[in-house]
Amino acid sequence: MRGDERTHDTVRVCLLASGSRGNSTLIEADNTRLLIDAGLSGKETQRRLAYLDLCCDDIDAILVTHEHHDHVGGIGPLARRHHLPVYIDSRTCAALTQLGTIPQCREFDAGDSFELNNLLISSFSTTHDAINPVGFTIDSREGKVGYATDLGIATRLIADRLHQCRVLVLEANHDEQMLIDSAYPWALKQRIRSRHGHLSNEQACLLLDDIGWPGLEALFLAHLSEENNCTRLVTSLFQQFVQNKDYRTQVIVGSQSRVSACFHDTGAVVTASEADQPFLIASKI
C-alpha cells in the first residue's frame, strides 16, 4: 500500500525498531497511520517502512512519548520533510529545543484526549526519568490499541488505561537476575530498577495478569535490553503466560535491528524474513 491505497476498517501494528538505540512503532487503524515515536534517522525510518510497502509520506502523524533521543532522534527531519504533524506533551516540547522548527506541532497536556481523523487518542502519565512521559491508547471502530513503554512502575492509572486493549505494546526491558549479574555499574542497575527506570519481565507479567483478557489478540513486548534480556526468554515466558490464561493472544517480541512481525486485524501475523530485513544503520539524521 502506498499513497492513498488504504484499506478501510483494518488494524495493523508493527514495531519498526525497539530498544535503547531507537524506537518507533507503526499503528494503522480506521484509515489512519501513526508513528509512536521516531527514534531512528529519517533514512532508516524510510527503509523500514519500505519493508512494509509504505513510505514516510503515507504517515498521518507522529505521537511522542518523551524526549529521550532514542524516541525523538528522527522527528525533526521527518516532520519537516514530510509535513507531518507532531503530537507532543507541552512540557516535553519545551525541553526539546534541539529539534528545530516543527511546522505542525500539536501540543497537549498529559492526560488529555484528542481526535485525529476517526481516531480517539488518549494520553496518560507514566513513570520514567523524563520531563513528563506519557503512554497512549488509540480507539477506533476496530477496537483499542495500547502503548506503554519506558515504565518505572506499572501504576494503577496505567493499568486502568490499558484495560480491554485489542492490541497492546508493553515494555519488558530486563530479566531481573540478568541485570543483577551484569557488568553494569551499580548506580545504573539501581536506576533501571527504580520507579523511574524500566519495567522488568516479571513486572510486565504482573501488569498483564491485571489487564489481560480474552479479547487481547496481540501482545508486543518492547524495549528489550540487549545486555540484560533475551528474546527467547521473553517469548517463552509470555507465551506460557497466555497459554495458562487460555488466551489466544499472539506474542510478538520487538528487536533493535529489524522490523517485527506485524499484527493484522484478521488475526494474522506476518513473520519478518531475516534475509530481507533492513538492519540498523548508524547514519546521521
Protein backbone atom coordinates (compact mmCIF):
# COMPACT_ATOMS: atom_id res chain seq x y z
CA MET A 1 0.00 0.00 0.00
CA ARG A 2 1.26 3.45 -0.94
CA GLY A 3 -0.20 6.92 -1.10
CA ASP A 4 -4.00 6.73 -1.00
CA GLU A 5 -4.17 2.95 -1.45
CA ARG A 6 -5.52 2.31 2.03
CA THR A 7 -7.67 -0.47 3.37
CA HIS A 8 -10.63 0.73 5.42
CA ASP A 9 -11.69 -0.90 8.67
CA THR A 10 -8.37 -2.58 9.36
CA VAL A 11 -5.85 -2.61 12.19
CA ARG A 12 -2.13 -3.10 11.65
CA VAL A 13 0.57 -2.79 14.32
CA CYS A 14 4.31 -3.27 13.86
CA LEU A 15 7.45 -2.31 15.78
CA LEU A 16 9.81 -0.67 13.31
CA ALA A 17 12.52 -0.65 15.98
CA SER A 18 12.57 -1.23 19.71
CA GLY A 19 15.47 -0.78 22.10
CA SER A 20 17.88 1.70 23.63
CA ARG A 21 19.27 2.80 20.21
CA GLY A 22 15.98 3.74 18.56
CA ASN A 23 12.22 3.25 18.95
CA SER A 24 9.37 3.64 16.50
CA THR A 25 6.01 1.87 16.19
CA LEU A 26 3.55 1.89 13.31
CA ILE A 27 -0.13 1.82 14.20
CA GLU A 28 -2.72 1.78 11.44
CA ALA A 29 -6.43 1.95 12.25
CA ASP A 30 -9.54 3.31 10.58
CA ASN A 31 -7.69 4.57 7.52
CA THR A 32 -5.10 6.49 9.59
CA ARG A 33 -1.41 5.66 10.02
CA LEU A 34 0.58 6.84 13.04
CA LEU A 35 4.12 6.56 14.26
CA ILE A 36 4.53 6.44 18.01
CA ASP A 37 8.00 7.94 18.47
CA ALA A 38 10.63 8.33 15.76
CA GLY A 39 13.97 7.42 17.26
CA LEU A 40 15.56 6.26 14.01
CA SER A 41 17.11 8.55 11.42
CA GLY A 42 14.78 9.71 8.67
CA LYS A 43 16.64 7.50 6.20
CA GLU A 44 16.33 4.41 8.38
CA THR A 45 12.66 5.07 9.10
CA GLN A 46 12.05 5.21 5.36
CA ARG A 47 13.94 1.93 4.87
CA ARG A 48 11.93 0.11 7.47
CA LEU A 49 8.60 1.45 6.28
CA ALA A 50 9.52 0.28 2.78
CA TYR A 51 9.74 -3.25 4.11
CA LEU A 52 6.00 -2.86 4.90
CA ASP A 53 5.37 -1.39 1.44
CA LEU A 54 4.93 2.08 2.92
CA CYS A 55 6.84 5.35 2.79
CA CYS A 56 7.06 8.34 5.11
CA ASP A 57 4.50 10.25 3.03
CA ASP A 58 1.96 7.57 3.96
CA ILE A 59 2.15 8.54 7.64
CA ASP A 60 -0.51 10.90 9.00
CA ALA A 61 1.12 11.99 12.28
CA ILE A 62 3.77 11.26 14.91
CA LEU A 63 2.94 10.83 18.60
CA VAL A 64 5.74 11.44 21.12
CA THR A 65 6.06 9.63 24.45
CA HIS A 66 9.04 11.53 25.91
CA GLU A 67 12.15 13.47 24.99
CA HIS A 68 14.94 10.87 25.16
CA HIS A 69 16.95 10.66 21.96
CA ASP A 70 16.12 7.04 21.23
CA HIS A 71 12.48 8.14 20.89
CA VAL A 72 12.79 11.51 19.14
CA GLY A 73 16.04 11.44 17.16
CA GLY A 74 14.34 11.48 13.75
CA ILE A 75 11.30 13.61 14.47
CA GLY A 76 12.61 16.97 13.25
CA PRO A 77 13.70 15.84 9.77
CA LEU A 78 10.61 13.61 9.31
CA ALA A 79 8.18 16.33 10.34
CA ARG A 80 9.77 19.00 8.13
CA ARG A 81 10.50 16.87 5.07
CA HIS A 82 7.16 15.06 5.01
CA HIS A 83 4.92 17.76 6.53
CA LEU A 84 3.87 15.59 9.45
CA PRO A 85 2.01 16.92 12.47
CA VAL A 86 3.69 16.04 15.76
CA TYR A 87 1.55 15.49 18.85
CA ILE A 88 3.60 16.09 21.98
CA ASP A 89 3.11 16.98 25.64
CA SER A 90 3.68 20.70 26.19
CA ARG A 91 6.36 20.25 28.87
CA THR A 92 8.18 17.68 26.74
CA CYS A 93 8.04 20.02 23.76
CA ALA A 94 9.58 22.84 25.79
CA ALA A 95 12.50 20.57 26.67
CA LEU A 96 13.23 19.64 23.05
CA THR A 97 14.91 22.77 21.77
CA GLN A 98 17.31 20.69 19.63
CA LEU A 99 14.51 19.51 17.33
CA GLY A 100 14.41 22.78 15.45
CA THR A 101 11.22 24.16 13.99
CA ILE A 102 8.28 21.75 13.80
CA PRO A 103 5.78 23.42 11.43
CA GLN A 104 2.80 21.40 12.68
CA CYS A 105 3.41 20.99 16.40
CA ARG A 106 0.25 19.94 18.25
CA GLU A 107 0.79 20.32 21.99
CA PHE A 108 -1.31 18.61 24.64
CA ASP A 109 -1.10 18.05 28.39
CA ALA A 110 -0.56 14.58 29.83
CA GLY A 111 -3.96 13.05 30.44
CA ASP A 112 -5.59 14.84 27.51
CA SER A 113 -7.55 13.08 24.76
CA PHE A 114 -7.83 14.36 21.21
CA GLU A 115 -9.22 13.28 17.87
CA LEU A 116 -7.20 12.57 14.76
CA ASN A 117 -9.31 11.72 11.73
CA ASN A 118 -11.62 9.00 13.06
CA LEU A 119 -9.35 8.01 15.95
CA LEU A 120 -9.65 8.97 19.61
CA ILE A 121 -6.17 9.22 21.08
CA SER A 122 -5.84 9.34 24.86
CA SER A 123 -2.61 10.09 26.71
CA PHE A 124 -1.76 9.04 30.25
CA SER A 125 1.15 9.76 32.55
CA THR A 126 3.90 7.19 33.02
CA THR A 127 6.82 6.99 35.45
CA HIS A 128 10.24 7.36 33.83
CA ASP A 129 13.26 9.64 34.22
CA ALA A 130 11.97 12.13 31.67
CA ILE A 131 10.28 15.53 31.86
CA ASN A 132 6.65 14.41 31.54
CA PRO A 133 6.44 10.99 29.85
CA VAL A 134 3.20 9.55 28.54
CA GLY A 135 1.70 6.41 27.08
CA PHE A 136 -1.19 6.26 24.64
CA THR A 137 -4.35 4.40 23.77
CA ILE A 138 -5.79 4.65 20.28
CA ASP A 139 -9.51 3.91 19.98
CA SER A 140 -11.19 3.23 16.65
CA ARG A 141 -14.20 1.37 15.33
CA GLU A 142 -11.95 -1.70 15.23
CA GLY A 143 -11.08 -1.60 18.94
CA LYS A 144 -8.36 -0.20 21.20
CA VAL A 145 -4.57 -0.31 20.83
CA GLY A 146 -2.50 0.44 23.94
CA TYR A 147 1.11 1.63 24.10
CA ALA A 148 3.15 1.73 27.32
CA THR A 149 6.94 1.52 27.37
CA ASP A 150 9.71 3.13 29.44
CA LEU A 151 7.85 2.46 32.67
CA GLY A 152 9.50 2.64 36.05
CA ILE A 153 6.47 1.01 37.62
CA ALA A 154 3.02 -0.03 36.46
CA THR A 155 0.75 2.39 38.31
CA ARG A 156 -2.97 1.96 38.88
CA LEU A 157 -3.57 4.71 36.33
CA ILE A 158 -1.60 2.84 33.67
CA ALA A 159 -3.46 -0.40 34.38
CA ASP A 160 -6.82 1.37 34.20
CA ARG A 161 -5.99 2.94 30.83
CA LEU A 162 -4.80 -0.34 29.32
CA HIS A 163 -7.85 -2.44 30.14
CA GLN A 164 -9.62 -4.12 27.22
CA CYS A 165 -6.99 -3.46 24.57
CA ARG A 166 -7.26 -5.48 21.41
CA VAL A 167 -3.54 -4.97 20.78
CA LEU A 168 -1.01 -3.99 23.45
CA VAL A 169 2.59 -2.77 23.14
CA LEU A 170 4.20 -3.27 26.55
CA GLU A 171 7.72 -2.88 27.87
CA ALA A 172 9.64 -5.97 29.00
CA ASN A 173 13.07 -4.42 29.41
CA HIS A 174 15.13 -6.78 31.51
CA ASP A 175 15.36 -10.04 33.37
CA GLU A 176 15.96 -9.10 36.98
CA GLN A 177 18.64 -11.71 37.65
CA MET A 178 20.47 -10.97 34.39
CA LEU A 179 20.55 -7.29 35.35
CA ILE A 180 21.86 -8.01 38.84
CA ASP A 181 24.57 -10.30 37.44
CA SER A 182 25.53 -7.91 34.63
CA ALA A 183 28.66 -5.79 34.36
CA TYR A 184 26.62 -2.59 34.61
CA PRO A 185 27.75 -0.14 37.32
CA TRP A 186 25.67 -0.46 40.48
CA ALA A 187 24.25 3.05 40.07
CA LEU A 188 22.96 2.18 36.58
CA LYS A 189 21.43 -1.04 37.85
CA GLN A 190 19.63 0.93 40.55
CA ARG A 191 18.40 3.48 38.04
CA ILE A 192 16.97 0.78 35.75
CA ARG A 193 15.25 -0.95 38.68
CA SER A 194 13.92 2.29 40.18
CA ARG A 195 10.42 3.80 40.00
CA HIS A 196 11.71 5.96 37.12
CA GLY A 197 13.57 3.26 35.22
CA HIS A 198 12.31 0.34 33.14
CA LEU A 199 9.82 -2.48 33.59
CA SER A 200 11.25 -5.97 34.09
CA ASN A 201 9.85 -9.14 32.53
CA GLU A 202 8.38 -10.10 35.89
CA GLN A 203 6.73 -6.70 36.40
CA ALA A 204 5.29 -6.81 32.88
CA CYS A 205 3.78 -10.22 33.68
CA LEU A 206 2.18 -8.85 36.83
CA LEU A 207 0.67 -5.96 34.90
CA LEU A 208 -0.59 -8.31 32.22
CA ASP A 209 -2.14 -10.51 34.90
CA ASP A 210 -4.18 -7.46 35.91
CA ILE A 211 -5.21 -6.15 32.49
CA GLY A 212 -5.19 -9.26 30.31
CA TRP A 213 -8.47 -10.54 28.89
CA PRO A 214 -9.64 -12.99 26.21
CA GLY A 215 -10.07 -10.12 23.72
CA LEU A 216 -6.34 -9.34 23.71
CA GLU A 217 -5.38 -10.52 20.23
CA ALA A 218 -1.74 -9.43 20.10
CA LEU A 219 0.89 -8.60 22.71
CA PHE A 220 4.06 -6.82 21.56
CA LEU A 221 6.97 -6.94 24.02
CA ALA A 222 9.10 -3.85 23.56
CA HIS A 223 12.30 -2.11 24.62
CA LEU A 224 14.21 -5.31 25.46
CA SER A 225 17.69 -4.73 26.82
CA GLU A 226 20.31 -6.23 24.51
CA GLU A 227 22.55 -6.96 27.51
CA ASN A 228 20.06 -7.94 30.22
CA ASN A 229 17.31 -9.76 28.38
CA CYS A 230 16.85 -12.45 25.77
CA THR A 231 14.25 -12.75 23.01
CA ARG A 232 13.92 -16.49 23.57
CA LEU A 233 13.37 -15.99 27.31
CA VAL A 234 10.74 -13.29 26.81
CA THR A 235 8.93 -15.25 24.11
CA SER A 236 8.80 -18.38 26.27
CA LEU A 237 7.72 -16.50 29.40
CA PHE A 238 4.81 -14.65 27.81
CA GLN A 239 3.67 -17.50 25.57
CA GLN A 240 3.43 -19.63 28.70
CA PHE A 241 1.52 -16.84 30.42
CA VAL A 242 -1.14 -16.55 27.72
CA GLN A 243 -1.43 -20.35 27.49
CA ASN A 244 -2.01 -20.58 31.23
CA LYS A 245 -4.77 -17.99 30.88
CA ASP A 246 -6.23 -19.86 27.91
CA TYR A 247 -5.93 -16.70 25.79
CA ARG A 248 -5.41 -16.89 22.04
CA THR A 249 -3.03 -13.93 22.13
CA GLN A 250 -0.22 -13.67 19.56
CA VAL A 251 3.08 -12.85 21.32
CA ILE A 252 5.46 -10.72 19.24
CA VAL A 253 8.86 -9.59 20.51
CA GLY A 254 10.44 -6.40 19.19
CA SER A 255 14.02 -6.02 18.00
CA GLN A 256 16.51 -3.21 17.73
CA SER A 257 17.93 -4.36 14.43
CA ARG A 258 14.86 -5.33 12.40
CA VAL A 259 11.15 -4.77 11.85
CA SER A 260 8.96 -7.02 13.97
CA ALA A 261 6.23 -9.30 12.76
CA CYS A 262 3.00 -7.40 12.02
CA PHE A 263 -0.39 -7.88 13.57
CA HIS A 264 -3.34 -7.54 11.19
CA ASP A 265 -6.97 -7.31 12.18
CA THR A 266 -7.63 -10.69 10.61
CA GLY A 267 -5.55 -12.13 13.42
CA ALA A 268 -2.75 -12.99 11.01
CA VAL A 269 0.84 -12.32 11.95
CA VAL A 270 3.29 -11.79 9.12
CA THR A 271 6.68 -13.09 10.19
CA ALA A 272 9.62 -10.99 9.08
CA SER A 273 12.19 -12.69 6.88
CA GLU A 274 15.63 -12.10 8.35
CA ALA A 275 17.26 -12.25 4.94
CA ASP A 276 15.22 -9.30 3.69
CA GLN A 277 15.32 -7.21 6.84
CA PRO A 278 16.91 -3.74 6.89
CA PHE A 279 19.47 -3.55 9.67
CA LEU A 280 20.08 -0.56 11.88
CA ILE A 281 22.27 1.97 10.14
CA ALA A 282 24.27 4.38 12.26
CA SER A 283 23.66 7.22 9.85
CA LYS A 284 23.36 10.81 10.92
CA ILE A 285 19.92 12.39 10.92
